Amino acid sequence: MQKRIAILAVVIFLLIVGGYIAFTSLGGNTPIEVSLVNRSPEPLSGIYYVGTPQNPELQNVFGKIEAEKSLRPGSFLHTIYEVEPAGKLDTMRVFVGLNQLLSGDDIQERVFSEKSYLLAKIKANKWVMPGPEKVKEKLWAFADSANLELSEFFIDKIVSENEVHVIAPIKNK
């Protein structure tokens, strides 16, 4: 009986150590880098989506912008969640765009009047990337320590599958 318990304890220990090593190798312990950038966020062109997260139209919007992105080297997908859904059936409002000039009937531009912003860089595998609330906490803490007032929205810039930048515009004084 004691032998079984010892073997079980060793197996559990190895699983925990292996999980920690996998988590760390995927970038789970990589810190969120926050810096102040003294220029306006890039203007964006894109499409607004208003509806539920499960609506196929949301995928169509992302598909249209991804198609435009593939035609424009050096462009990055950006999202601004103006109303985030609390559940699958809640209404959301999101802007999906690129940092390039687009044209079309459903294309709108977002130009930002803020003269500076905080930039949070997150580099980790998508399975271990910190959640949006953790990133926002880090940005709010940085803003508080620097005596800065953030605007009420955040811009997510998808750099790659393993790198996301979160842009938090600072209110002009």
Protein backbone atom coordinates (compact mmCIF):
# COMPACT_ATOMS: atom_id res chain seq x y z
CA MET A 1 0.00 0.00 0.00
CA GLN A 2 2.77 2.46 0.91
CA LYS A 3 4.56 1.62 -2.32
CA ARG A 4 1.47 2.58 -4.34
CA ILE A 5 1.15 5.87 -2.49
CA ALA A 6 4.84 6.61 -3.08
CA ILE A 7 4.50 5.84 -6.79
CA LEU A 8 1.36 7.99 -7.02
CA ALA A 9 3.14 10.85 -5.23
CA VAL A 10 6.10 10.64 -7.66
CA VAL A 11 3.75 10.58 -10.67
CA ILE A 12 1.83 13.62 -9.37
CA PHE A 13 5.11 15.43 -8.66
CA LEU A 14 6.39 14.69 -12.19
CA LEU A 15 3.11 15.89 -13.74
CA ILE A 16 3.29 19.16 -11.79
CA VAL A 17 6.95 19.74 -12.69
CA GLY A 18 6.29 18.80 -16.34
CA GLY A 19 3.29 21.14 -16.48
CA TYR A 20 5.31 24.00 -15.04
CA ILE A 21 8.14 23.39 -17.52
CA ALA A 22 5.66 23.30 -20.43
CA PHE A 23 3.93 26.46 -19.16
CA THR A 24 7.26 28.28 -18.88
CA SER A 25 8.56 27.08 -22.27
CA LEU A 26 5.36 28.38 -23.93
CA GLY A 27 5.97 31.83 -22.43
CA GLY A 28 3.59 31.61 -19.50
CA ASN A 29 5.99 33.43 -17.18
CA THR A 30 7.02 36.09 -19.70
CA PRO A 31 6.26 39.50 -18.15
CA ILE A 32 3.95 42.02 -19.79
CA GLU A 33 6.12 44.91 -20.98
CA VAL A 34 4.46 48.33 -20.60
CA SER A 35 5.90 51.53 -22.06
CA LEU A 36 4.79 55.09 -22.79
CA VAL A 37 4.66 56.13 -26.45
CA ASN A 38 4.52 59.87 -27.18
CA ARG A 39 2.53 59.89 -30.41
CA SER A 40 -1.04 59.30 -31.48
CA PRO A 41 -2.20 55.74 -32.11
CA GLU A 42 -2.21 54.86 -35.81
CA PRO A 43 -5.45 55.60 -37.67
CA LEU A 44 -7.42 52.47 -38.53
CA SER A 45 -9.81 51.47 -41.30
CA GLY A 46 -12.27 48.68 -40.73
CA ILE A 47 -15.74 47.42 -40.01
CA TYR A 48 -17.99 47.70 -36.96
CA TYR A 49 -19.83 44.61 -35.85
CA VAL A 50 -22.81 44.80 -33.49
CA GLY A 51 -24.40 41.52 -32.46
CA THR A 52 -23.82 38.36 -30.49
CA PRO A 53 -20.48 36.51 -30.43
CA GLN A 54 -22.09 33.41 -31.97
CA ASN A 55 -23.47 35.20 -35.04
CA PRO A 56 -21.70 34.01 -38.23
CA GLU A 57 -21.54 37.65 -39.35
CA LEU A 58 -18.76 38.24 -36.80
CA GLN A 59 -16.62 35.61 -38.55
CA ASN A 60 -17.47 37.26 -41.90
CA VAL A 61 -16.20 40.62 -40.61
CA PHE A 62 -12.94 39.06 -39.41
CA GLY A 63 -12.67 37.17 -42.71
CA LYS A 64 -13.05 40.38 -44.76
CA ILE A 65 -10.40 42.20 -42.74
CA GLU A 66 -8.04 39.19 -42.82
CA ALA A 67 -8.45 39.09 -46.63
CA GLU A 68 -7.54 42.80 -46.83
CA LYS A 69 -4.58 42.19 -44.51
CA SER A 70 -3.22 39.48 -46.82
CA LEU A 71 -3.20 42.03 -49.66
CA ARG A 72 -1.28 44.61 -47.60
CA PRO A 73 2.12 43.46 -46.32
CA GLY A 74 3.12 45.17 -43.09
CA SER A 75 -0.45 45.71 -41.93
CA PHE A 76 -1.76 44.37 -38.63
CA LEU A 77 -5.22 43.35 -37.49
CA HIS A 78 -6.63 45.60 -34.74
CA THR A 79 -9.73 45.20 -32.61
CA ILE A 80 -11.50 47.64 -30.32
CA TYR A 81 -14.17 46.08 -28.12
CA GLU A 82 -16.44 48.99 -27.26
CA VAL A 83 -19.04 46.75 -25.62
CA GLU A 84 -17.71 43.40 -24.51
CA PRO A 85 -20.19 40.55 -24.12
CA ALA A 86 -20.59 38.98 -20.71
CA GLY A 87 -22.03 35.82 -22.24
CA LYS A 88 -22.68 34.08 -25.54
CA LEU A 89 -26.06 35.73 -26.06
CA ASP A 90 -25.11 39.28 -25.04
CA THR A 91 -24.76 42.02 -27.63
CA MET A 92 -21.24 43.18 -28.36
CA ARG A 93 -19.86 46.11 -30.36
CA VAL A 94 -16.41 45.64 -31.86
CA PHE A 95 -14.36 47.49 -34.47
CA VAL A 96 -12.15 45.20 -36.57
CA GLY A 97 -9.63 46.98 -38.76
CA LEU A 98 -6.18 47.47 -40.17
CA ASN A 99 -3.54 50.17 -39.84
CA GLN A 100 -3.90 50.77 -43.60
CA LEU A 101 -6.34 52.83 -45.65
CA LEU A 102 -9.19 50.64 -46.88
CA SER A 103 -12.13 51.55 -49.06
CA GLY A 104 -15.61 50.12 -49.41
CA ASP A 105 -19.21 50.76 -48.48
CA ASP A 106 -18.96 49.17 -45.04
CA ILE A 107 -15.47 50.53 -44.22
CA GLN A 108 -15.16 53.21 -41.55
CA GLU A 109 -12.12 55.08 -40.28
CA ARG A 110 -11.00 55.50 -36.69
CA VAL A 111 -8.69 58.46 -36.13
CA PHE A 112 -7.51 59.05 -32.58
CA SER A 113 -7.10 62.51 -31.06
CA GLU A 114 -5.01 61.29 -28.10
CA LYS A 115 -1.39 62.42 -28.37
CA SER A 116 0.16 59.50 -26.46
CA TYR A 117 -0.61 55.98 -25.31
CA LEU A 118 0.58 53.13 -23.16
CA LEU A 119 1.77 50.07 -25.02
CA ALA A 120 1.61 46.62 -23.42
CA LYS A 121 3.55 43.91 -25.28
CA ILE A 122 2.54 40.33 -24.62
CA LYS A 123 4.73 37.56 -26.06
CA ALA A 124 3.52 34.04 -25.30
CA ASN A 125 1.82 31.08 -26.89
CA LYS A 126 -1.93 31.63 -27.22
CA TRP A 127 -2.58 28.79 -24.74
CA VAL A 128 -0.73 30.55 -21.90
CA MET A 129 -1.20 34.22 -22.88
CA PRO A 130 -2.54 36.36 -20.00
CA GLY A 131 -6.21 37.28 -20.16
CA PRO A 132 -7.46 40.76 -21.06
CA GLU A 133 -8.26 41.67 -17.46
CA LYS A 134 -4.70 40.95 -16.31
CA VAL A 135 -3.30 43.12 -19.13
CA LYS A 136 -5.75 45.95 -18.32
CA GLU A 137 -4.79 45.75 -14.63
CA LYS A 138 -1.14 46.14 -15.59
CA LEU A 139 -1.95 49.15 -17.82
CA TRP A 140 -4.12 50.82 -15.13
CA ALA A 141 -1.38 50.27 -12.52
CA PHE A 142 1.26 51.80 -14.82
CA ALA A 143 -1.04 54.76 -15.56
CA ASP A 144 -1.73 55.31 -11.85
CA SER A 145 1.96 55.22 -10.96
CA ALA A 146 2.77 57.71 -13.75
CA ASN A 147 -0.23 59.93 -12.87
CA LEU A 148 -1.82 59.40 -16.30
CA GLU A 149 -5.50 59.16 -17.19
CA LEU A 150 -6.42 56.51 -19.74
CA SER A 151 -9.21 56.80 -22.26
CA GLU A 152 -11.99 54.29 -21.79
CA PHE A 153 -11.00 51.92 -24.62
CA PHE A 154 -8.18 49.58 -25.51
CA ILE A 155 -6.89 48.66 -28.97
CA ASP A 156 -5.66 45.11 -29.49
CA LYS A 157 -3.01 44.81 -32.20
CA ILE A 158 -2.42 41.24 -33.33
CA VAL A 159 1.27 41.14 -34.32
CA SER A 160 1.48 37.35 -34.65
CA GLU A 161 -0.04 34.22 -33.21
CA ASN A 162 2.34 34.56 -30.24
CA GLU A 163 2.50 38.34 -29.87
CA VAL A 164 -0.22 40.87 -29.08
CA HIS A 165 0.14 44.57 -28.34
CA VAL A 166 -2.50 46.37 -26.30
CA ILE A 167 -2.69 50.10 -26.91
CA ALA A 168 -4.27 52.24 -24.17
CA PRO A 169 -4.68 55.85 -25.36
CA ILE A 170 -4.05 58.52 -22.72
CA LYS A 171 -6.58 61.33 -22.34
CA ASN A 172 -5.30 64.71 -23.48
CA LYS A 173 -4.95 67.30 -20.72
